[in-house]
Amino acid sequence: MAEYADREHYIPLRKSDLVELLCRDKQMPRTDVPDFRQFCILISSVFHFEYLQKLESLKDLFAPFDPDTQTRLLQDPGKVEREKLMNRLFDEFTQLMERANFKKLGKADVEAAVEGGASDWGINMNVNFDVFEHLELFIRGEGRTKRSRRHKVWFWKSVEVPVETYQRVALAVKLKPHKRLPKSLDTRAVFFKLFKDIPKLDLEMILPGTTIQMPGTQRSKFGATLVGTIAYAIYKVWFDLIGAAAALGKGLMFAGQAALMPIFVLGGYGYKQYAGYQITKQSYSKMLTESLYYQTLDNNAGVLTHILDEAEEQECREAILAYYCLLRFAPEQGWTPEQLDDYVELYLEGAANLKVDFEIGDAIDKVERLGIVTRTGNMVRAIPLAQALEKLDYRWDNYFQYNKS
């Protein structure tokens, strides 16, 4: 069984497209296609029912922490009970992300990512981890894409440069009261966020409670201008005071005006620098808002349903692929899990040009639980398609047992 450090478990293929791919396979007898389609429908129905139960459970856990809810709780849990519910919510959300083939980032990974500066399309942010009571970050799909930017010298020209990105980034966070957060923010809530195509250097852009950190060149420009202005003002004040003292004979009012003029000039320059700083800061805020506007996929309860749907589809894809390859390509005695793993990966690469690290352990567990394969020692065999349909149909029929006769 091959293991690949540069491949992910996620199969980037729609379930319906996978079914069509298998039905067109040369090893699939044309007479079996209708039964196989029914098999896939039953597999999907079973997983959909099971994931509906998971969704209801997660919605119940999230209800006391949902910042967007329009419903009221009959009884608000106390502080101790809220803490228990929140821990369960984070645990179950983490399990859900694993089913959807997301990778959890550890604290050291997060800190390393946010200290790496900013890409040409992002803004460097200052992150204060004291605002987080609970923070979890998940990623899926590391890749390299090309983006356009202005040439650093020939600014009227556009050039394409490679940028390392995370195709999907999910965030689960519980915040604490902090001066960096708006007072109107409900810090009793839990926030879920889902983003796409986030450059690795810009991971801090999606974190709450951050402040914009201007590039060093911009700060140097403001600093140099301000120092020069102050130095010039001091020079002017000194020599104008000397001149004012020499002109006492012309009147004290004239001397006072001459002394105050450089101070007014300094104040004007100071206000100009402050206004310039605020305008630049607003432009960076606009860049941040525009960037995240197009990269946000979902928020809060929407994230739960989005990820549950992806996890459900992934479970279906794994089960269908494992059963099909055992049914059509394995010898009579079956395959070991390692042999099945290698064959599924080769099949996807040859038939769909997809390089994945098939999650064989999870796939075998699913098809065994559904009863559509048998195991003898370390050898796994698929039962005939007609029997598999009967097993799945019986399972579906017995989810609801209302007839007591």
Protein backbone atom coordinates (compact mmCIF):
# COMPACT_ATOMS: atom_id res chain seq x y z
CA MET A 1 0.00 0.00 0.00
CA ALA A 2 1.61 3.20 -1.18
CA GLU A 3 1.58 6.31 0.99
CA TYR A 4 1.92 9.74 -0.58
CA ALA A 5 3.05 12.83 1.30
CA ASP A 6 1.98 15.07 -1.60
CA ARG A 7 -1.58 13.68 -1.99
CA GLU A 8 -4.76 14.18 -0.03
CA HIS A 9 -7.58 11.80 0.90
CA TYR A 10 -10.19 14.11 -0.62
CA ILE A 11 -11.59 12.87 -3.95
CA PRO A 12 -12.35 16.02 -6.02
CA LEU A 13 -15.08 14.42 -8.10
CA ARG A 14 -18.85 14.90 -7.82
CA LYS A 15 -20.69 11.77 -6.74
CA SER A 16 -22.95 11.82 -9.82
CA ASP A 17 -19.91 12.19 -12.09
CA LEU A 18 -18.24 9.25 -10.36
CA VAL A 19 -21.33 7.08 -10.92
CA GLU A 20 -21.36 8.04 -14.62
CA LEU A 21 -17.65 7.23 -14.89
CA LEU A 22 -18.14 3.76 -13.42
CA CYS A 23 -21.24 3.04 -15.52
CA ARG A 24 -19.26 3.81 -18.69
CA ASP A 25 -16.40 1.54 -17.62
CA LYS A 26 -15.65 -1.27 -20.10
CA GLN A 27 -15.65 -3.81 -17.26
CA MET A 28 -19.25 -2.95 -16.39
CA PRO A 29 -21.71 -5.26 -18.22
CA ARG A 30 -24.41 -3.16 -19.87
CA THR A 31 -27.10 -5.34 -18.28
CA ASP A 32 -25.75 -4.45 -14.80
CA VAL A 33 -25.87 -0.68 -15.28
CA PRO A 34 -29.50 -0.18 -14.06
CA ASP A 35 -28.89 -2.30 -10.94
CA PHE A 36 -25.63 -0.48 -10.23
CA ARG A 37 -27.38 2.88 -10.48
CA GLN A 38 -29.96 1.64 -7.96
CA PHE A 39 -27.09 0.47 -5.74
CA CYS A 40 -25.59 3.99 -5.81
CA ILE A 41 -28.97 5.56 -5.03
CA LEU A 42 -29.42 3.29 -2.01
CA ILE A 43 -25.86 3.98 -0.79
CA SER A 44 -26.55 7.72 -1.08
CA SER A 45 -29.89 7.39 0.71
CA VAL A 46 -28.39 5.47 3.63
CA PHE A 47 -25.61 8.00 4.14
CA HIS A 48 -28.00 10.92 3.68
CA PHE A 49 -30.26 9.60 6.44
CA GLU A 50 -27.30 9.06 8.78
CA TYR A 51 -25.92 12.53 8.09
CA LEU A 52 -29.31 14.09 8.63
CA GLN A 53 -29.13 12.75 12.18
CA LYS A 54 -25.64 14.23 12.55
CA LEU A 55 -26.90 17.58 11.28
CA GLU A 56 -29.75 17.64 13.80
CA SER A 57 -27.34 16.79 16.62
CA LEU A 58 -24.92 19.56 15.60
CA LYS A 59 -27.74 22.11 15.24
CA ASP A 60 -28.91 21.30 18.77
CA LEU A 61 -25.37 21.75 20.13
CA PHE A 62 -24.87 25.00 18.18
CA ALA A 63 -28.22 26.55 19.15
CA PRO A 64 -27.02 28.23 22.41
CA PHE A 65 -23.98 29.68 20.56
CA ASP A 66 -25.47 30.69 17.20
CA PRO A 67 -24.93 34.46 16.67
CA ASP A 68 -27.47 34.55 13.81
CA THR A 69 -30.38 32.71 15.42
CA GLN A 70 -33.92 34.05 15.22
CA THR A 71 -35.34 31.48 17.65
CA ARG A 72 -35.32 31.51 21.44
CA LEU A 73 -34.21 28.77 23.79
CA LEU A 74 -36.83 27.47 26.20
CA GLN A 75 -34.12 27.34 28.85
CA ASP A 76 -30.74 29.02 28.66
CA PRO A 77 -28.02 26.65 29.98
CA GLY A 78 -25.96 27.86 32.91
CA LYS A 79 -22.27 28.69 32.76
CA VAL A 80 -21.06 25.16 33.61
CA GLU A 81 -23.49 23.53 31.17
CA ARG A 82 -22.52 26.01 28.40
CA GLU A 83 -18.88 25.07 28.87
CA LYS A 84 -19.70 21.37 28.49
CA LEU A 85 -21.88 22.00 25.43
CA MET A 86 -19.20 24.18 23.82
CA ASN A 87 -16.52 21.51 24.29
CA ARG A 88 -18.83 18.89 22.74
CA LEU A 89 -19.57 21.25 19.85
CA PHE A 90 -15.88 21.76 19.08
CA ASP A 91 -15.16 18.02 19.41
CA GLU A 92 -17.97 17.03 17.05
CA PHE A 93 -17.08 19.79 14.59
CA THR A 94 -13.48 18.50 14.53
CA GLN A 95 -14.72 14.96 13.82
CA LEU A 96 -16.90 16.31 11.03
CA MET A 97 -13.96 18.14 9.46
CA GLU A 98 -11.91 14.94 9.54
CA ARG A 99 -14.71 13.10 7.71
CA ALA A 100 -14.65 15.83 5.07
CA ASN A 101 -10.86 15.26 4.79
CA PHE A 102 -9.79 18.58 6.30
CA LYS A 103 -6.48 18.77 8.13
CA LYS A 104 -6.39 20.47 11.51
CA LEU A 105 -3.61 23.03 12.04
CA GLY A 106 -1.86 22.96 15.40
CA LYS A 107 -1.15 26.13 17.35
CA ALA A 108 2.49 26.16 16.21
CA ASP A 109 1.36 25.88 12.57
CA VAL A 110 -1.06 28.79 12.99
CA GLU A 111 1.53 30.99 14.69
CA ALA A 112 4.11 30.21 11.99
CA ALA A 113 1.59 31.03 9.26
CA VAL A 114 0.55 34.40 10.69
CA GLU A 115 4.17 35.51 11.21
CA GLY A 116 5.18 34.98 7.60
CA GLY A 117 4.30 38.44 6.28
CA ALA A 118 1.81 39.06 3.47
CA SER A 119 1.58 38.08 -0.18
CA ASP A 120 1.20 40.59 -3.01
CA TRP A 121 -2.59 40.13 -2.74
CA GLY A 122 -2.97 40.32 1.01
CA ILE A 123 -2.44 42.66 3.92
CA ASN A 124 -0.10 42.04 6.79
CA MET A 125 -2.14 41.86 9.98
CA ASN A 126 -1.10 42.01 13.61
CA VAL A 127 -2.68 39.08 15.50
CA ASN A 128 -3.28 39.08 19.24
CA PHE A 129 -4.03 35.52 20.37
CA ASP A 130 -5.38 36.84 23.69
CA VAL A 131 -8.73 37.55 21.96
CA PHE A 132 -9.35 33.81 21.45
CA GLU A 133 -10.88 31.59 24.09
CA HIS A 134 -11.01 28.69 21.63
CA LEU A 135 -9.55 28.68 18.10
CA GLU A 136 -9.48 25.86 15.54
CA LEU A 137 -8.24 26.16 11.95
CA PHE A 138 -8.70 23.50 9.26
CA ILE A 139 -7.27 23.35 5.73
CA ARG A 140 -7.85 21.19 2.68
CA GLY A 141 -6.19 21.26 -0.70
CA GLU A 142 -2.74 22.81 -0.79
CA GLY A 143 -1.81 24.02 -4.23
CA ARG A 144 -0.15 26.65 -6.35
CA THR A 145 -2.10 29.05 -8.49
CA LYS A 146 -1.16 32.04 -10.63
CA ARG A 147 -2.35 35.56 -9.96
CA SER A 148 -1.79 38.82 -11.77
CA ARG A 149 -0.19 41.92 -10.27
CA ARG A 150 1.44 45.10 -11.47
CA HIS A 151 5.11 44.95 -12.40
CA LYS A 152 7.20 46.49 -9.63
CA VAL A 153 9.16 48.65 -12.08
CA TRP A 154 7.01 48.86 -15.22
CA PHE A 155 3.82 49.47 -13.21
CA TRP A 156 1.61 49.77 -16.30
CA LYS A 157 2.35 46.13 -17.16
CA SER A 158 0.66 43.08 -15.60
CA VAL A 159 2.64 39.94 -14.73
CA GLU A 160 1.56 36.51 -13.51
CA VAL A 161 3.35 35.06 -10.51
CA PRO A 162 2.83 31.75 -8.62
CA VAL A 163 1.26 31.86 -5.16
CA GLU A 164 0.89 29.04 -2.64
CA THR A 165 -2.74 28.70 -1.47
CA TYR A 166 -5.08 26.67 0.67
CA GLN A 167 -8.07 25.73 -1.49
CA ARG A 168 -10.33 25.53 1.56
CA VAL A 169 -9.89 27.04 5.04
CA ALA A 170 -12.40 26.59 7.86
CA LEU A 171 -12.37 28.52 11.13
CA ALA A 172 -14.12 27.75 14.42
CA VAL A 173 -13.65 30.37 17.13
CA LYS A 174 -14.95 31.44 20.52
CA LEU A 175 -13.83 34.96 21.47
CA LYS A 176 -13.19 36.68 24.81
CA PRO A 177 -14.02 40.29 25.72
CA HIS A 178 -11.06 42.36 24.50
CA LYS A 179 -10.32 45.97 23.58
CA ARG A 180 -9.62 44.91 19.99
CA LEU A 181 -13.16 43.63 19.57
CA PRO A 182 -16.24 45.83 19.13
CA LYS A 183 -18.34 46.12 22.27
CA SER A 184 -21.44 45.09 20.32
CA LEU A 185 -19.93 41.68 19.52
CA ASP A 186 -21.51 38.74 21.35
CA THR A 187 -18.53 37.00 22.93
CA ARG A 188 -20.82 34.23 24.21
CA ALA A 189 -21.28 33.05 20.62
CA VAL A 190 -19.24 30.57 18.56
CA PHE A 191 -18.36 31.58 15.00
CA PHE A 192 -17.81 29.23 12.06
CA LYS A 193 -16.30 30.55 8.82
CA LEU A 194 -15.43 28.87 5.51
CA PHE A 195 -13.13 30.41 2.89
CA LYS A 196 -11.63 29.44 -0.46
CA ASP A 197 -8.27 30.08 -2.16
CA ILE A 198 -6.53 31.76 0.76
CA PRO A 199 -2.81 32.42 0.12
CA LYS A 200 -0.75 30.69 2.78
CA LEU A 201 0.99 33.95 3.68
CA ASP A 202 -2.37 35.67 4.25
CA LEU A 203 -3.90 33.24 6.74
CA GLU A 204 -4.07 35.94 9.41
CA MET A 205 -6.50 37.95 7.23
CA ILE A 206 -9.38 35.64 8.20
CA LEU A 207 -8.80 35.87 11.97
CA PRO A 208 -10.95 38.23 14.08
CA GLY A 209 -9.46 40.81 16.43
CA THR A 210 -6.56 41.71 14.14
CA THR A 211 -5.23 45.16 13.27
CA ILE A 212 -3.82 46.28 9.94
CA GLN A 213 -0.04 46.44 9.90
CA MET A 214 1.27 48.75 7.20
CA PRO A 215 4.23 47.64 5.11
CA GLY A 216 7.64 48.85 6.31
CA THR A 217 8.12 51.07 3.27
CA GLN A 218 4.86 52.91 3.97
CA ARG A 219 5.69 53.35 7.66
CA SER A 220 9.18 54.59 6.76
CA LYS A 221 7.69 57.12 4.37
CA PHE A 222 5.39 58.54 7.04
CA GLY A 223 8.12 58.49 9.67
CA ALA A 224 10.70 60.22 7.51
CA THR A 225 8.23 62.92 6.46
CA LEU A 226 7.15 63.55 10.06
CA VAL A 227 10.74 63.76 11.37
CA GLY A 228 11.67 66.15 8.58
CA THR A 229 8.65 68.33 9.31
CA ILE A 230 9.40 68.52 13.04
CA ALA A 231 13.06 69.35 12.40
CA TYR A 232 12.08 72.13 9.98
CA ALA A 233 9.52 73.51 12.44
CA ILE A 234 12.05 73.62 15.28
CA TYR A 235 14.49 75.40 13.02
CA LYS A 236 11.86 77.96 12.03
CA VAL A 237 10.66 78.51 15.61
CA TRP A 238 14.22 79.14 16.82
CA PHE A 239 15.16 81.66 14.17
CA ASP A 240 11.77 83.38 14.12
CA LEU A 241 11.95 83.85 17.91
CA ILE A 242 15.36 85.45 17.49
CA GLY A 243 13.94 87.70 14.81
CA ALA A 244 10.94 88.49 16.98
CA ALA A 245 13.15 89.46 19.88
CA ALA A 246 15.09 91.81 17.61
CA ALA A 247 11.87 93.35 16.38
CA LEU A 248 10.43 94.21 19.81
CA GLY A 249 10.45 97.82 18.83
CA LYS A 250 7.85 97.04 16.15
CA GLY A 251 5.37 95.85 18.72
CA LEU A 252 4.72 92.85 20.94
CA MET A 253 1.72 91.68 18.87
CA PHE A 254 3.84 91.42 15.73
CA ALA A 255 6.53 89.51 17.66
CA GLY A 256 3.97 87.03 19.06
CA GLN A 257 2.53 86.41 15.62
CA ALA A 258 5.97 85.78 14.22
CA ALA A 259 6.71 83.26 16.99
CA LEU A 260 3.39 81.40 16.63
CA MET A 261 3.48 81.10 12.84
CA PRO A 262 5.87 78.08 12.76
CA ILE A 263 3.77 76.34 15.42
CA PHE A 264 0.70 76.69 13.19
CA VAL A 265 2.76 75.33 10.30
CA LEU A 266 3.80 72.33 12.44
CA GLY A 267 0.17 71.68 13.41
CA GLY A 268 -0.89 71.83 9.75
CA TYR A 269 1.82 69.39 8.74
CA GLY A 270 0.88 67.12 11.63
CA TYR A 271 -2.77 67.07 10.60
CA LYS A 272 -1.77 66.41 6.99
CA GLN A 273 0.30 63.41 8.06
CA TYR A 274 -2.49 62.08 10.28
CA ALA A 275 -5.07 62.47 7.51
CA GLY A 276 -2.72 60.74 5.05
CA TYR A 277 -2.25 57.88 7.50
CA GLN A 278 -6.03 57.48 7.94
CA ILE A 279 -6.62 57.50 4.17
CA THR A 280 -3.93 54.87 3.64
CA LYS A 281 -5.38 52.78 6.47
CA GLN A 282 -8.85 53.00 4.90
CA SER A 283 -7.47 51.89 1.54
CA TYR A 284 -5.94 48.81 3.18
CA SER A 285 -9.25 48.09 4.93
CA LYS A 286 -11.00 48.31 1.56
CA MET A 287 -8.48 45.86 0.08
CA LEU A 288 -9.13 43.45 2.95
CA THR A 289 -12.93 43.71 2.63
CA GLU A 290 -12.88 43.19 -1.13
CA SER A 291 -10.52 40.23 -0.86
CA LEU A 292 -12.57 38.38 1.78
CA TYR A 293 -15.85 39.24 0.04
CA TYR A 294 -14.94 37.02 -2.91
CA GLN A 295 -13.24 34.33 -0.84
CA THR A 296 -15.95 33.72 1.79
CA LEU A 297 -18.01 30.58 1.14
CA ASP A 298 -20.23 30.35 4.23
CA ASN A 299 -20.81 31.47 7.82
CA ASN A 300 -21.97 29.91 11.11
CA ALA A 301 -24.88 27.43 10.68
CA GLY A 302 -24.30 27.50 6.91
CA VAL A 303 -20.80 26.10 7.47
CA LEU A 304 -22.25 23.09 9.31
CA THR A 305 -24.60 22.19 6.47
CA HIS A 306 -21.91 22.89 3.85
CA ILE A 307 -19.31 20.64 5.49
CA LEU A 308 -21.87 17.93 6.31
CA ASP A 309 -22.84 17.80 2.65
CA GLU A 310 -19.20 17.48 1.60
CA ALA A 311 -18.52 14.77 4.21
CA GLU A 312 -21.61 12.84 3.10
CA GLU A 313 -20.53 12.95 -0.55
CA GLN A 314 -17.00 11.85 0.36
CA GLU A 315 -18.34 8.87 2.33
CA CYS A 316 -20.47 7.84 -0.66
CA ARG A 317 -17.57 8.16 -3.09
CA GLU A 318 -15.29 6.03 -0.93
CA ALA A 319 -17.89 3.29 -0.40
CA ILE A 320 -18.90 3.15 -4.08
CA LEU A 321 -15.29 3.00 -5.28
CA ALA A 322 -14.27 0.32 -2.78
CA TYR A 323 -17.25 -1.92 -3.64
CA TYR A 324 -16.99 -1.41 -7.41
CA CYS A 325 -13.26 -2.21 -7.62
CA LEU A 326 -13.71 -5.33 -5.48
CA LEU A 327 -16.70 -6.42 -7.57
CA ARG A 328 -15.19 -5.88 -11.03
CA PHE A 329 -11.44 -6.26 -10.69
CA ALA A 330 -10.57 -8.40 -7.63
CA PRO A 331 -9.93 -12.15 -8.07
CA GLU A 332 -12.36 -14.69 -6.65
CA GLN A 333 -10.59 -14.84 -3.28
CA GLY A 334 -10.71 -11.03 -3.01
CA TRP A 335 -7.99 -8.54 -2.13
CA THR A 336 -6.21 -7.40 0.96
CA PRO A 337 -7.01 -3.81 2.02
CA GLU A 338 -3.54 -2.80 0.80
CA GLN A 339 -4.17 -4.28 -2.67
CA LEU A 340 -7.57 -2.59 -2.89
CA ASP A 341 -6.05 0.74 -1.84
CA ASP A 342 -3.40 0.57 -4.58
CA TYR A 343 -5.94 -0.42 -7.23
CA VAL A 344 -8.42 2.36 -6.41
CA GLU A 345 -5.64 4.95 -6.61
CA LEU A 346 -4.42 3.56 -9.96
CA TYR A 347 -7.99 3.43 -11.27
CA LEU A 348 -8.70 7.07 -10.41
CA GLU A 349 -5.40 8.17 -11.92
CA GLY A 350 -6.02 6.26 -15.14
CA ALA A 351 -9.75 6.85 -15.58
CA ALA A 352 -10.13 10.40 -14.20
CA ASN A 353 -6.57 11.78 -14.07
CA LEU A 354 -6.91 12.21 -10.29
CA LYS A 355 -4.02 11.58 -7.93
CA VAL A 356 -5.39 10.90 -4.46
CA ASP A 357 -4.33 9.01 -1.35
CA PHE A 358 -7.36 6.74 -0.95
CA GLU A 359 -8.43 6.40 2.69
CA ILE A 360 -8.67 2.61 2.65
CA GLY A 361 -9.24 2.02 6.37
CA ASP A 362 -12.29 4.27 6.46
CA ALA A 363 -13.64 2.86 3.18
CA ILE A 364 -13.35 -0.78 4.36
CA ASP A 365 -15.08 0.10 7.64
CA LYS A 366 -18.01 1.61 5.72
CA VAL A 367 -18.61 -1.25 3.26
CA GLU A 368 -18.24 -3.82 6.06
CA ARG A 369 -20.75 -1.94 8.23
CA LEU A 370 -23.21 -1.89 5.31
CA GLY A 371 -22.75 -5.65 4.84
CA ILE A 372 -21.87 -5.44 1.13
CA VAL A 373 -18.47 -7.13 1.52
CA THR A 374 -17.23 -10.18 3.39
CA ARG A 375 -13.87 -10.69 5.05
CA THR A 376 -11.97 -13.95 5.40
CA GLY A 377 -8.81 -13.38 7.36
CA ASN A 378 -7.21 -10.38 5.66
CA MET A 379 -9.00 -10.93 2.34
CA VAL A 380 -12.00 -8.74 1.46
CA ARG A 381 -14.58 -9.78 -1.15
CA ALA A 382 -17.61 -7.95 -2.58
CA ILE A 383 -20.92 -9.81 -2.44
CA PRO A 384 -22.85 -10.04 -5.75
CA LEU A 385 -24.63 -6.89 -6.86
CA ALA A 386 -28.13 -8.39 -6.45
CA GLN A 387 -27.37 -9.39 -2.85
CA ALA A 388 -25.88 -5.96 -2.12
CA LEU A 389 -29.12 -4.36 -3.33
CA GLU A 390 -31.15 -6.60 -1.04
CA LYS A 391 -28.91 -5.75 1.96
CA LEU A 392 -29.18 -2.02 1.39
CA ASP A 393 -32.91 -2.17 0.69
CA TYR A 394 -33.49 -4.11 3.92
CA ARG A 395 -31.42 -1.57 5.85
CA TRP A 396 -33.41 1.32 4.41
CA ASP A 397 -36.78 -0.33 5.04
CA ASN A 398 -35.91 -0.91 8.69
CA TYR A 399 -34.95 2.66 9.54
CA PHE A 400 -38.65 3.25 10.21
CA GLN A 401 -40.60 0.44 11.84
CA TYR A 402 -44.15 1.67 12.37
CA ASN A 403 -46.02 -1.48 11.37
CA LYS A 404 -46.34 -3.49 14.62
CA SER A 405 -48.48 -6.28 13.14
